[in-house]
Protein backbone atom coordinates (compact mmCIF):
# COMPACT_ATOMS: atom_id res chain seq x y z
CA MET A 1 126.52 93.63 -28.70
CA LEU A 2 126.85 90.29 -30.49
CA HIS A 3 127.74 90.25 -34.18
CA HIS A 4 128.33 86.58 -35.05
CA LEU A 5 126.68 83.58 -33.36
CA GLY A 6 127.93 80.04 -33.77
CA VAL A 7 125.00 77.65 -33.34
CA SER A 8 125.49 73.94 -32.61
CA ILE A 9 122.45 71.87 -33.66
CA ASP A 10 121.31 68.25 -33.76
CA SER A 11 118.35 66.44 -35.35
CA SER A 12 116.03 66.40 -32.32
CA ASP A 13 112.61 68.07 -32.16
CA HIS A 14 113.85 70.28 -29.31
CA CYS A 15 116.70 71.49 -31.49
CA SER A 16 114.32 72.46 -34.28
CA GLU A 17 112.30 74.66 -31.95
CA ALA A 18 115.19 75.99 -29.87
CA ALA A 19 117.13 76.86 -33.02
CA ILE A 20 114.33 79.24 -33.99
CA GLN A 21 114.77 80.96 -30.62
CA ALA A 22 118.49 81.24 -31.35
CA LEU A 23 117.73 82.74 -34.76
CA GLN A 24 115.33 85.24 -33.20
CA PHE A 25 118.03 86.15 -30.69
CA ALA A 26 120.48 86.69 -33.56
CA SER A 27 117.94 88.80 -35.43
CA ALA A 28 117.35 90.98 -32.36
CA ASN A 29 121.11 91.58 -32.18
CA SER A 30 121.51 92.06 -35.96
CA ALA A 31 124.00 89.19 -35.86
CA ARG A 32 124.94 86.72 -38.56
CA ILE A 33 124.86 82.94 -38.01
CA SER A 34 127.19 80.00 -38.50
CA LEU A 35 125.49 76.61 -38.08
CA TRP A 36 127.36 73.43 -37.22
CA TYR A 37 126.25 69.85 -36.76
CA ALA A 38 129.14 68.40 -34.75
CA GLN A 39 129.43 64.66 -34.24
CA GLY A 40 131.97 61.92 -33.62
CA VAL A 41 134.06 60.14 -36.21
CA PRO A 42 131.93 57.57 -38.11
CA ASP A 43 132.60 53.87 -37.53
CA GLY A 44 132.75 53.20 -41.27
CA PRO A 45 131.36 54.22 -44.70
CA LEU A 46 127.79 53.11 -43.92
CA ASP A 47 127.76 54.90 -40.57
CA GLN A 48 129.11 58.00 -42.28
CA LEU A 49 126.25 57.90 -44.80
CA ARG A 50 123.70 57.77 -41.98
CA ARG A 51 125.35 60.65 -40.13
CA GLU A 52 125.68 62.76 -43.27
CA HIS A 53 121.98 62.36 -44.07
CA ARG A 54 120.99 63.36 -40.53
CA ALA A 55 123.29 66.37 -40.60
CA SER A 56 122.05 67.43 -44.05
CA GLU A 57 118.42 67.38 -42.94
CA ALA A 58 119.02 69.33 -39.72
CA LEU A 59 121.30 71.92 -41.37
CA ALA A 60 119.04 72.42 -44.39
CA ARG A 61 116.02 72.93 -42.13
CA VAL A 62 117.61 75.51 -39.84
CA GLU A 63 119.45 77.25 -42.69
CA ALA A 64 116.16 77.68 -44.56
CA ALA A 65 114.58 79.13 -41.42
CA ALA A 66 117.46 81.60 -41.13
CA HIS A 67 117.01 82.67 -44.74
CA ALA A 68 113.30 83.21 -44.14
CA MET A 69 114.23 85.57 -41.30
CA GLY A 70 116.75 87.41 -43.46
CA LEU A 71 119.81 86.28 -41.49
CA PRO A 72 123.20 85.89 -43.20
CA THR A 73 124.02 82.21 -42.63
CA ARG A 74 126.53 79.52 -43.45
CA ALA A 75 126.33 75.87 -42.43
CA GLY A 76 128.54 72.80 -42.20
CA ALA A 77 128.88 69.34 -40.68
CA LEU A 78 131.84 68.56 -38.42
CA PHE A 79 133.27 65.07 -37.81
CA ALA A 80 135.90 64.74 -35.10
CA ALA A 81 137.07 62.49 -32.27
CA GLN A 82 136.27 65.38 -29.92
CA PRO A 83 133.25 67.20 -31.42
CA ALA A 84 133.19 69.86 -28.69
CA HIS A 85 136.80 70.85 -29.38
CA GLU A 86 136.16 70.85 -33.13
CA LEU A 87 133.15 73.12 -32.65
CA LEU A 88 135.13 75.55 -30.51
CA ASN A 89 137.90 75.57 -33.09
CA ALA A 90 135.44 76.24 -35.91
CA ALA A 91 133.82 79.06 -33.92
CA GLN A 92 137.21 80.65 -33.27
CA ILE A 93 138.24 80.47 -36.93
CA ALA A 94 134.88 81.94 -37.99
CA GLY A 95 135.25 84.78 -35.47
CA CYS A 96 132.11 84.01 -33.45
CA ASP A 97 131.63 86.14 -30.36
CA ALA A 98 129.18 83.67 -28.76
CA ILE A 99 128.17 80.01 -29.13
CA VAL A 100 124.61 78.75 -28.81
CA ILE A 101 123.88 75.10 -27.94
CA VAL A 102 120.34 74.06 -28.85
CA SER A 103 120.54 70.33 -28.10
CA GLU A 104 117.68 68.99 -26.00
CA PRO A 105 118.36 68.84 -22.22
CA LYS A 106 118.40 65.02 -22.19
CA ARG A 107 121.16 64.95 -24.79
CA LEU A 108 123.13 67.59 -22.93
CA ALA A 109 122.91 65.39 -19.81
CA GLU A 110 123.92 62.27 -21.74
CA ASN A 111 126.86 64.13 -23.28
CA GLY A 112 127.71 65.85 -20.04
CA THR A 113 131.47 65.45 -20.37
CA ALA A 114 131.53 67.03 -23.84
CA THR A 115 129.25 69.85 -22.73
CA ILE A 116 131.32 70.59 -19.62
CA ASP A 117 134.44 70.39 -21.78
CA MET A 118 133.00 73.02 -24.10
CA LEU A 119 131.98 75.30 -21.24
CA SER A 120 135.41 74.91 -19.65
CA HIS A 121 137.44 75.67 -22.76
CA ALA A 122 135.26 78.22 -24.55
CA SER A 123 136.81 81.67 -24.86
CA VAL A 124 133.43 83.23 -25.69
CA PRO A 125 130.03 83.03 -23.94
CA VAL A 126 128.10 79.75 -24.39
CA LEU A 127 124.30 80.11 -24.39
CA THR A 128 121.53 77.50 -24.23
CA PHE A 129 117.79 77.67 -24.89
CA GLY A 130 115.79 75.39 -22.59
CA SER A 131 112.23 74.14 -22.96
CA GLY A 132 110.94 77.11 -20.95
CA CYS A 133 112.04 79.44 -23.75
CA LEU A 134 109.95 77.68 -26.38
CA PRO A 135 106.55 78.95 -27.56
CA PRO A 136 103.39 76.87 -26.96
CA ARG A 137 102.63 74.34 -29.66
CA ILE A 138 99.60 74.55 -31.96
CA ALA A 139 97.74 71.23 -31.97
CA ALA A 140 96.72 71.36 -35.65
CA LEU A 141 100.29 72.06 -36.76
CA GLU A 142 101.56 69.30 -34.47
CA LEU A 143 99.60 66.78 -36.57
CA LEU A 144 101.45 67.94 -39.67
CA HIS A 145 104.72 67.84 -37.77
CA THR A 146 104.12 64.21 -36.77
CA GLU A 147 103.43 63.24 -40.38
CA TYR A 148 106.52 65.16 -41.45
CA GLN A 149 108.67 63.20 -39.00
CA ARG A 150 107.31 59.90 -40.33
CA LEU A 151 108.08 60.93 -43.88
CA ILE A 152 111.58 62.07 -42.95
CA THR A 153 112.29 58.70 -41.30
CA LEU A 154 111.35 56.90 -44.52
CA LEU A 155 113.35 59.31 -46.66
CA PHE A 156 116.42 58.65 -44.53
CA LYS A 157 116.03 54.89 -45.04
CA TRP A 158 115.66 55.26 -48.79
CA LEU A 159 118.57 57.69 -49.10
CA PHE A 160 120.74 55.25 -47.19
CA LEU A 161 119.55 52.32 -49.28
CA LEU A 162 120.26 54.12 -52.56
CA SER A 163 123.64 55.40 -51.35
CA SER A 164 124.94 52.05 -50.10
CA PRO A 165 127.80 50.65 -52.22
CA ASP A 166 126.03 47.38 -53.10
CA PRO A 167 126.89 45.84 -56.51
CA LEU A 168 123.59 43.96 -56.49
CA ARG A 169 121.44 46.85 -55.38
CA GLN A 170 119.25 46.81 -58.52
CA ARG A 171 118.05 43.37 -57.44
CA THR A 172 117.95 44.46 -53.78
CA LEU A 173 115.86 47.56 -54.48
CA ASP A 174 113.07 45.96 -56.51
CA PRO A 175 111.11 44.73 -53.44
CA TYR A 176 111.12 48.29 -52.07
CA ARG A 177 109.47 49.88 -55.10
CA ALA A 178 105.94 48.95 -54.02
CA GLY A 179 106.61 50.42 -50.59
CA MET A 180 107.97 53.62 -52.11
CA GLN A 181 104.88 53.97 -54.27
CA ALA A 182 102.65 53.36 -51.25
CA VAL A 183 104.33 56.25 -49.42
CA VAL A 184 103.94 58.52 -52.44
CA ASP A 185 100.22 57.64 -52.42
CA HIS A 186 100.06 58.40 -48.68
CA VAL A 187 101.68 61.81 -49.26
CA ARG A 188 99.10 62.63 -51.92
CA ASP A 189 96.12 61.27 -49.95
CA THR A 190 97.05 62.53 -46.46
CA LEU A 191 99.87 65.08 -46.34
CA HIS A 192 98.75 67.15 -49.30
CA PRO A 193 95.16 67.60 -48.01
CA LEU A 194 96.57 68.55 -44.58
CA ARG A 195 98.88 71.06 -46.24
CA CYS A 196 95.98 72.51 -48.23
CA CYS A 197 94.00 72.96 -45.01
CA LYS A 198 96.97 74.69 -43.40
CA GLU A 199 97.35 77.01 -46.38
CA ALA A 200 93.65 77.88 -46.43
CA TRP A 201 92.88 78.17 -42.71
CA PHE A 202 96.22 79.36 -41.33
CA PHE A 203 98.29 80.99 -44.07
CA GLY A 204 95.31 82.71 -45.73
CA PRO A 205 94.07 84.71 -42.72
CA LEU A 206 97.65 85.36 -41.59
CA ARG A 207 98.55 86.77 -45.00
CA GLN A 208 95.62 89.18 -44.86
CA ARG A 209 96.28 90.38 -41.30
CA ILE A 210 100.07 90.80 -41.25
CA ASP A 211 101.65 92.66 -44.14
CA ASP A 212 105.21 91.77 -43.13
CA VAL A 213 104.72 88.03 -43.74
CA ARG A 214 102.88 88.17 -47.08
CA ALA A 215 106.01 87.74 -49.18
CA GLU A 216 107.19 84.86 -47.00
CA ILE A 217 103.82 83.08 -47.19
CA ASP A 218 103.84 83.51 -50.98
CA GLU A 219 107.29 81.89 -50.97
CA LEU A 220 105.97 78.98 -48.89
CA LEU A 221 103.14 78.46 -51.36
CA LEU A 222 105.65 78.37 -54.23
CA LEU A 223 107.73 75.85 -52.31
CA GLY A 224 104.63 73.69 -51.98
CA GLN A 225 104.13 73.79 -55.76
CA ARG A 226 107.76 72.83 -56.33
CA GLU A 227 107.39 70.01 -53.82
CA ASP A 228 104.45 68.65 -55.85
CA LYS A 229 106.51 68.70 -59.06
CA LEU A 230 109.43 66.93 -57.42
CA LEU A 231 107.05 64.29 -56.04
CA ASP A 232 105.73 63.72 -59.58
CA ASP A 233 109.30 63.28 -60.80
CA LEU A 234 110.10 60.89 -57.96
CA GLU A 235 106.99 58.83 -58.72
CA SER A 236 107.96 58.57 -62.39
CA LYS A 237 111.43 57.31 -61.41
CA ILE A 238 109.94 54.74 -59.02
CA ALA A 239 107.81 53.41 -61.88
CA GLN A 240 110.89 52.80 -64.07
CA PRO A 241 112.57 49.36 -63.98
CA LEU A 242 115.69 49.46 -61.83
CA ASP A 243 117.64 47.35 -64.32
CA SER A 244 120.74 49.53 -64.62
CA GLU A 245 123.03 51.72 -62.54
CA SER A 246 121.78 54.76 -64.47
CA ALA A 247 118.18 54.00 -63.45
CA VAL A 248 119.20 53.64 -59.81
CA ALA A 249 121.23 56.87 -60.01
CA ALA A 250 118.27 58.74 -61.51
CA LEU A 251 116.01 57.51 -58.70
CA ALA A 252 118.62 58.55 -56.11
CA VAL A 253 118.84 62.06 -57.57
CA ALA A 254 115.06 62.45 -57.65
CA LEU A 255 114.78 61.21 -54.07
CA GLU A 256 117.49 63.55 -52.78
CA GLN A 257 115.95 66.55 -54.56
CA TYR A 258 112.55 65.78 -53.05
CA ALA A 259 114.04 65.21 -49.58
CA ARG A 260 115.99 68.48 -49.67
CA GLN A 261 112.86 70.32 -50.77
CA ILE A 262 110.93 68.85 -47.83
CA TRP A 263 113.71 69.83 -45.40
CA ALA A 264 113.99 73.37 -46.78
CA ALA A 265 110.22 73.92 -46.84
CA ARG A 266 109.92 72.78 -43.22
CA GLY A 267 112.69 75.14 -42.13
CA ARG A 268 111.33 78.01 -44.19
CA GLU A 269 107.95 77.55 -42.57
CA LEU A 270 109.46 77.56 -39.07
CA GLY A 271 111.37 80.74 -39.90
CA GLY A 272 108.35 82.39 -41.46
CA MET A 273 106.16 81.63 -38.46
CA ALA A 274 108.81 83.17 -36.23
CA LEU A 275 108.25 86.47 -38.03
CA THR A 276 104.67 86.58 -36.78
């Protein structure tokens, strides 16, 4: 009987899906979860910013899915010269009785030495979830997923841009404001109608047929409303002149709040669908 699973994740699509399988496995064993995003030491401050944003998105998404499934969870990013060793050390300190690797097979092959190192030195079982363990994809939801990935890519670029230690960034950011507004318009004109269709055609019937997921679907609908409010706030900050550090800081806060809401809502949805 397993009581505490340590789950190593990355930011790939395979990881997102395989992590849900790991969470379902934990739920079946009434186990709690520790999530880690292990990666090498950054090359410098800018590289660290990029890596931190990637780790934050992946961890927030899977952690939200775990919460939707009612699993006790904690999450953290690990930076080390030997990520595999750092992960094993973290799992030992946390008292994990098994480790789950949900990286996509290609990445496992590319990082073969680190993976073999982990398997060789682990004192607890190491499990993986391959593509054959994943459920079939739903075409309509895949369209939303593709749009989500495009939005996430842009959010990463903006977060990096606003976090960069550039003394002239007010002047540097001005040309990007029109692009930011164009994406906000795209979210309203494309993503929001797609989300409304999903809520009406997928969530609605599901809510009526399966009592166990009603509360979770209601939570997803509330998250959608909060997402709309945060987008309004972000749009208002984009419209303000970026003529001071305080204006840039306010835009950065609004952007991060919106990004985290998107990440959490995506994870919560994945976790909620796993309950069906």
